[in-house]
């Protein structure tokens, strides 16, 4: 219901949270004496009121109504903890996740930074996905439980497809924990498109899936994800047994960290700013992600540097992964011929032989056929034609050479990264673009 209509009807507005221009905020909290009932907390620099409804600017706000099954599955804060330094919260969360998730190093840093940012995603207008790749031997059930205990209005879903995602109670404004061992392509597209506000999905009406999401799966994200959309970590099997906390411990963890993260949100939502990062070797998309994650540490330069260093590690790993994909190997082989002087065309069979040689030179098994090359080129937008009775291939026009260089940059092709040709006009253009940046 719109606020204008609610005012006219002297009715009420259902809400899970609000932030008003005058600095007032409303938050949904659980009544500690009645676990199945929610209250609205009114905040303006401090707790002003807690009740079943709140009046603000002539309008009456009440807690959203949730189905009993959803209400039971979602954890809400029961109080606001005293104010503390962001570093204290960051360190405490590191200790918790290091203990129960077995994370360390850049993986741990990025997970904690994402957790902080997820509590203020609506203020930052950016909700990057935390993509956790886990082996079957990893303690995935413990990871999802801990993330559910400390996440903002977290709801765990399994068997994720478009229908399940579109059935999420979006008014909850919470974090989705997607146990997605078989994540379907349609669901992945929805998840990817909803990292920024303003993208809506038509499903029995129009719904907004903009919210923080955790995807826990055994596969890597597809090549279509932009670096600014995703924080990637790996959950590695631990040599020590990681056990789920018992119910009493889990309840204590949930109450403590829910209160601390809510306090963080309420004390800092009005002061959040995306910092200008200097002297970073991150690519522009990852600089955007870094600005989101570092905004949540409220100007702590040491934590900012720690997060940027962790993202640089992620980018290095991503480059290695992209450059080793079959598509990248085919592009690298085609680029070899594009760099040969006087060469005006190249057959797919020649590219296939060169691509297979690159694979063997890197101690990898497998063989790339001319048919594989043809389909790869067609899919990536490099036109192939019939060159002769001997088969199809590529005419190395200026358009085709430019496209191959663009693809080589996208896939971080090793030879292009390590050897930009001085006698190649396309390489010269790339060098000029890098200098301009």
Foldseek 3Di string as FASTA:
>chain_A
DDQVVCLVVVHAAAAQKDADPQLKIWHWAAAPVDLQDIWIFIDRPHTDDIGQWDDDPRHIYGHHDDDSVLSVQWHAAHAADDDDALVVLLVVQLVVCCQQLVDDALQSLQVSLLQLLQLQCVLVQFAAEEEEAEDPLGPVVQVVLLCRLQWQREHEDEPDDPVVLVPDPVSNQTEYEYAPQPYDPRRLVVLQVQRGPDDWDDDVHIDHSNHHYYYYYNDDDDLPHFLLRYDYDYRYRDPDDRDHDDPVVSVVSSNVNSNHSVNLCSNPSVPFDQDDDPPAPDDVSVSNNLSSSVSSNPPPVVSSVSNSVSVVVVVVVQLVVLCPDLLNLLLLLVLVQLPDPPRFWDQLQSSQVSSQVVCVVVVHDDGGHSVNSQVSCVVQPQDKDAPDPVHITHGSDVVNNLSSVVVCVSSVHPCCVVQQDPPDPSSVVVVVVVVVD
